[in-house]
PDB file of N, CA and C in Angstrom:
ATOM      1  N   MET A   1       3.479  22.306  10.201  1.00  0.00           N
ATOM      2  CA  MET A   1       2.073  21.909  10.112  1.00  0.00           C
ATOM      3  C   MET A   1       1.800  21.255   8.755  1.00  0.00           C
ATOM      4  N   TYR A   2       2.213  21.947   7.695  1.00  0.00           N
ATOM      5  CA  TYR A   2       1.992  21.431   6.341  1.00  0.00           C
ATOM      6  C   TYR A   2       2.762  20.135   6.116  1.00  0.00           C
ATOM      7  N   LEU A   3       4.024  20.134   6.565  1.00  0.00           N
ATOM      8  CA  LEU A   3       4.865  18.948   6.400  1.00  0.00           C
ATOM      9  C   LEU A   3       4.275  17.769   7.161  1.00  0.00           C
ATOM     10  N   ASN A   4       3.775  18.020   8.349  1.00  0.00           N
ATOM     11  CA  ASN A   4       3.181  16.960   9.163  1.00  0.00           C
ATOM     12  C   ASN A   4       1.981  16.345   8.452  1.00  0.00           C
ATOM     13  N   THR A   5       1.160  17.195   7.829  1.00  0.00           N
ATOM     14  CA  THR A   5      -0.007  16.714   7.092  1.00  0.00           C
ATOM     15  C   THR A   5       0.426  15.856   5.917  1.00  0.00           C
ATOM     16  N   CYS A   6       1.467  16.278   5.227  1.00  0.00           N
ATOM     17  CA  CYS A   6       1.973  15.517   4.085  1.00  0.00           C
ATOM     18  C   CYS A   6       2.484  14.156   4.537  1.00  0.00           C
ATOM     19  N   LEU A   7       3.179  14.130   5.665  1.00  0.00           N
ATOM     20  CA  LEU A   7       3.705  12.865   6.174  1.00  0.00           C
ATOM     21  C   LEU A   7       2.570  11.919   6.552  1.00  0.00           C
ATOM     22  N   LYS A   8       1.526  12.455   7.170  1.00  0.00           N
ATOM     23  CA  LYS A   8       0.378  11.622   7.539  1.00  0.00           C
ATOM     24  C   LYS A   8      -0.291  11.067   6.289  1.00  0.00           C
ATOM     25  N   TYR A   9      -0.428  11.910   5.273  1.00  0.00           N
ATOM     26  CA  TYR A   9      -1.060  11.494   4.026  1.00  0.00           C
ATOM     27  C   TYR A   9      -0.234  10.413   3.347  1.00  0.00           C
ATOM     28  N   PHE A  10       1.089  10.620   3.312  1.00  0.00           N
ATOM     29  CA  PHE A  10       1.988   9.648   2.697  1.00  0.00           C
ATOM     30  C   PHE A  10       1.924   8.316   3.430  1.00  0.00           C
ATOM     31  N   LYS A  11       1.915   8.382   4.761  1.00  0.00           N
ATOM     32  CA  LYS A  11       1.869   7.158   5.568  1.00  0.00           C
ATOM     33  C   LYS A  11       0.548   6.420   5.331  1.00  0.00           C
ATOM     34  N   TYR A  12      -0.538   7.176   5.178  1.00  0.00           N
ATOM     35  CA  TYR A  12      -1.849   6.590   4.914  1.00  0.00           C
ATOM     36  C   TYR A  12      -1.853   5.871   3.563  1.00  0.00           C
ATOM     37  N   ILE A  13      -1.336   6.524   2.534  1.00  0.00           N
ATOM     38  CA  ILE A  13      -1.268   5.932   1.197  1.00  0.00           C
ATOM     39  C   ILE A  13      -0.362   4.710   1.211  1.00  0.00           C
ATOM     40  N   TYR A  14       0.785   4.835   1.897  1.00  0.00           N
ATOM     41  CA  TYR A  14       1.741   3.729   1.964  1.00  0.00           C
ATOM     42  C   TYR A  14       1.109   2.506   2.629  1.00  0.00           C
ATOM     43  N   THR A  15       0.344   2.734   3.694  1.00  0.00           N
ATOM     44  CA  THR A  15      -0.326   1.642   4.400  1.00  0.00           C
ATOM     45  C   THR A  15      -1.359   0.978   3.505  1.00  0.00           C
ATOM     46  N   LEU A  16      -2.148   1.796   2.788  1.00  0.00           N
ATOM     47  CA  LEU A  16      -3.149   1.246   1.875  1.00  0.00           C
ATOM     48  C   LEU A  16      -2.488   0.407   0.798  1.00  0.00           C
ATOM     49  N   ASN A  17      -1.388   0.909   0.247  1.00  0.00           N
ATOM     50  CA  ASN A  17      -0.677   0.201  -0.814  1.00  0.00           C
ATOM     51  C   ASN A  17      -0.143  -1.136  -0.308  1.00  0.00           C
ATOM     52  N   THR A  18       0.410  -1.117   0.914  1.00  0.00           N
ATOM     53  CA  THR A  18       0.946  -2.350   1.496  1.00  0.00           C
ATOM     54  C   THR A  18      -0.166  -3.375   1.716  1.00  0.00           C
ATOM     55  N   LEU A  19      -1.293  -2.920   2.251  1.00  0.00           N
ATOM     56  CA  LEU A  19      -2.417  -3.825   2.484  1.00  0.00           C
ATOM     57  C   LEU A  19      -2.931  -4.391   1.169  1.00  0.00           C
ATOM     58  N   TYR A  20      -2.942  -3.554   0.123  1.00  0.00           N
ATOM     59  CA  TYR A  20      -3.410  -4.002  -1.189  1.00  0.00           C
ATOM     60  C   TYR A  20      -2.485  -5.071  -1.761  1.00  0.00           C
ATOM     61  N   LEU A  21      -1.172  -4.875  -1.595  1.00  0.00           N
ATOM     62  CA  LEU A  21      -0.209  -5.872  -2.075  1.00  0.00           C
ATOM     63  C   LEU A  21      -0.378  -7.188  -1.331  1.00  0.00           C
ATOM     64  N   ILE A  22      -0.590  -7.107  -0.010  1.00  0.00           N
ATOM     65  CA  ILE A  22      -0.803  -8.321   0.787  1.00  0.00           C
ATOM     66  C   ILE A  22      -2.071  -9.028   0.316  1.00  0.00           C
ATOM     67  N   TYR A  23      -3.113  -8.249   0.042  1.00  0.00           N
ATOM     68  CA  TYR A  23      -4.371  -8.810  -0.447  1.00  0.00           C
ATOM     69  C   TYR A  23      -4.154  -9.521  -1.780  1.00  0.00           C
ATOM     70  N   LEU A  24      -3.419  -8.896  -2.688  1.00  0.00           N
ATOM     71  CA  LEU A  24      -3.138  -9.514  -3.987  1.00  0.00           C
ATOM     72  C   LEU A  24      -2.355 -10.806  -3.808  1.00  0.00           C
ATOM     73  N   ASN A  25      -1.363 -10.777  -2.926  1.00  0.00           N
ATOM     74  CA  ASN A  25      -0.545 -11.969  -2.687  1.00  0.00           C
ATOM     75  C   ASN A  25      -1.401 -13.120  -2.163  1.00  0.00           C
ATOM     76  N   ASN A  26      -2.297 -12.819  -1.238  1.00  0.00           N
ATOM     77  CA  ASN A  26      -3.162 -13.856  -0.680  1.00  0.00           C
ATOM     78  C   ASN A  26      -4.166 -14.343  -1.718  1.00  0.00           C
ATOM     79  N   PHE A  27      -4.675 -13.426  -2.526  1.00  0.00           N
ATOM     80  CA  PHE A  27      -5.705 -13.767  -3.504  1.00  0.00           C
ATOM     81  C   PHE A  27      -5.146 -14.669  -4.600  1.00  0.00           C
ATOM     82  N   HIS A  28      -3.943 -14.359  -5.059  1.00  0.00           N
ATOM     83  CA  HIS A  28      -3.348 -15.125  -6.149  1.00  0.00           C
ATOM     84  C   HIS A  28      -2.537 -16.318  -5.636  1.00  0.00           C
ATOM     85  N   GLY A  29      -2.264 -16.332  -4.321  1.00  0.00           N
ATOM     86  CA  GLY A  29      -1.543 -17.455  -3.751  1.00  0.00           C
ATOM     87  C   GLY A  29      -0.051 -17.403  -4.018  1.00  0.00           C
ATOM     88  N   LYS A  30       0.425 -16.318  -4.610  1.00  0.00           N
ATOM     89  CA  LYS A  30       1.859 -16.161  -4.855  1.00  0.00           C
ATOM     90  C   LYS A  30       2.169 -14.681  -4.994  1.00  0.00           C
ATOM     91  N   PRO A  31       3.424 -14.276  -4.748  1.00  0.00           N
ATOM     92  CA  PRO A  31       3.792 -12.870  -4.892  1.00  0.00           C
ATOM     93  C   PRO A  31       3.453 -12.366  -6.286  1.00  0.00           C
ATOM     94  N   ASN A  32       2.697 -11.281  -6.337  1.00  0.00           N
ATOM     95  CA  ASN A  32       2.279 -10.731  -7.622  1.00  0.00           C
ATOM     96  C   ASN A  32       2.187  -9.215  -7.487  1.00  0.00           C
ATOM     97  N   PHE A  33       3.349  -8.556  -7.481  1.00  0.00           N
ATOM     98  CA  PHE A  33       3.388  -7.122  -7.245  1.00  0.00           C
ATOM     99  C   PHE A  33       3.037  -6.327  -8.497  1.00  0.00           C
ATOM    100  N   PHE A  34       3.078  -6.987  -9.668  1.00  0.00           N
ATOM    101  CA  PHE A  34       2.761  -6.286 -10.908  1.00  0.00           C
ATOM    102  C   PHE A  34       1.708  -7.068 -11.690  1.00  0.00           C
ATOM    103  N   PRO A  35       0.462  -7.029 -11.209  1.00  0.00           N
ATOM    104  CA  PRO A  35      -0.607  -7.774 -11.883  1.00  0.00           C
ATOM    105  C   PRO A  35      -0.812  -7.269 -13.300  1.00  0.00           C
ATOM    106  N   LYS A  36      -1.002  -8.190 -14.223  1.00  0.00           N
ATOM    107  CA  LYS A  36      -1.194  -7.799 -15.625  1.00  0.00           C
ATOM    108  C   LYS A  36      -2.670  -7.465 -15.868  1.00  0.00           C
TER     109      LYS A  36
END
């Protein structure tokens, strides 16, 4: 039960992070995984 919750939480964070990176890439017009 606990492990399942952790996996769901991790997957949620991972999805948000991926969407954020895609947003940054589109916004800057080029790959920018480490914005200054």
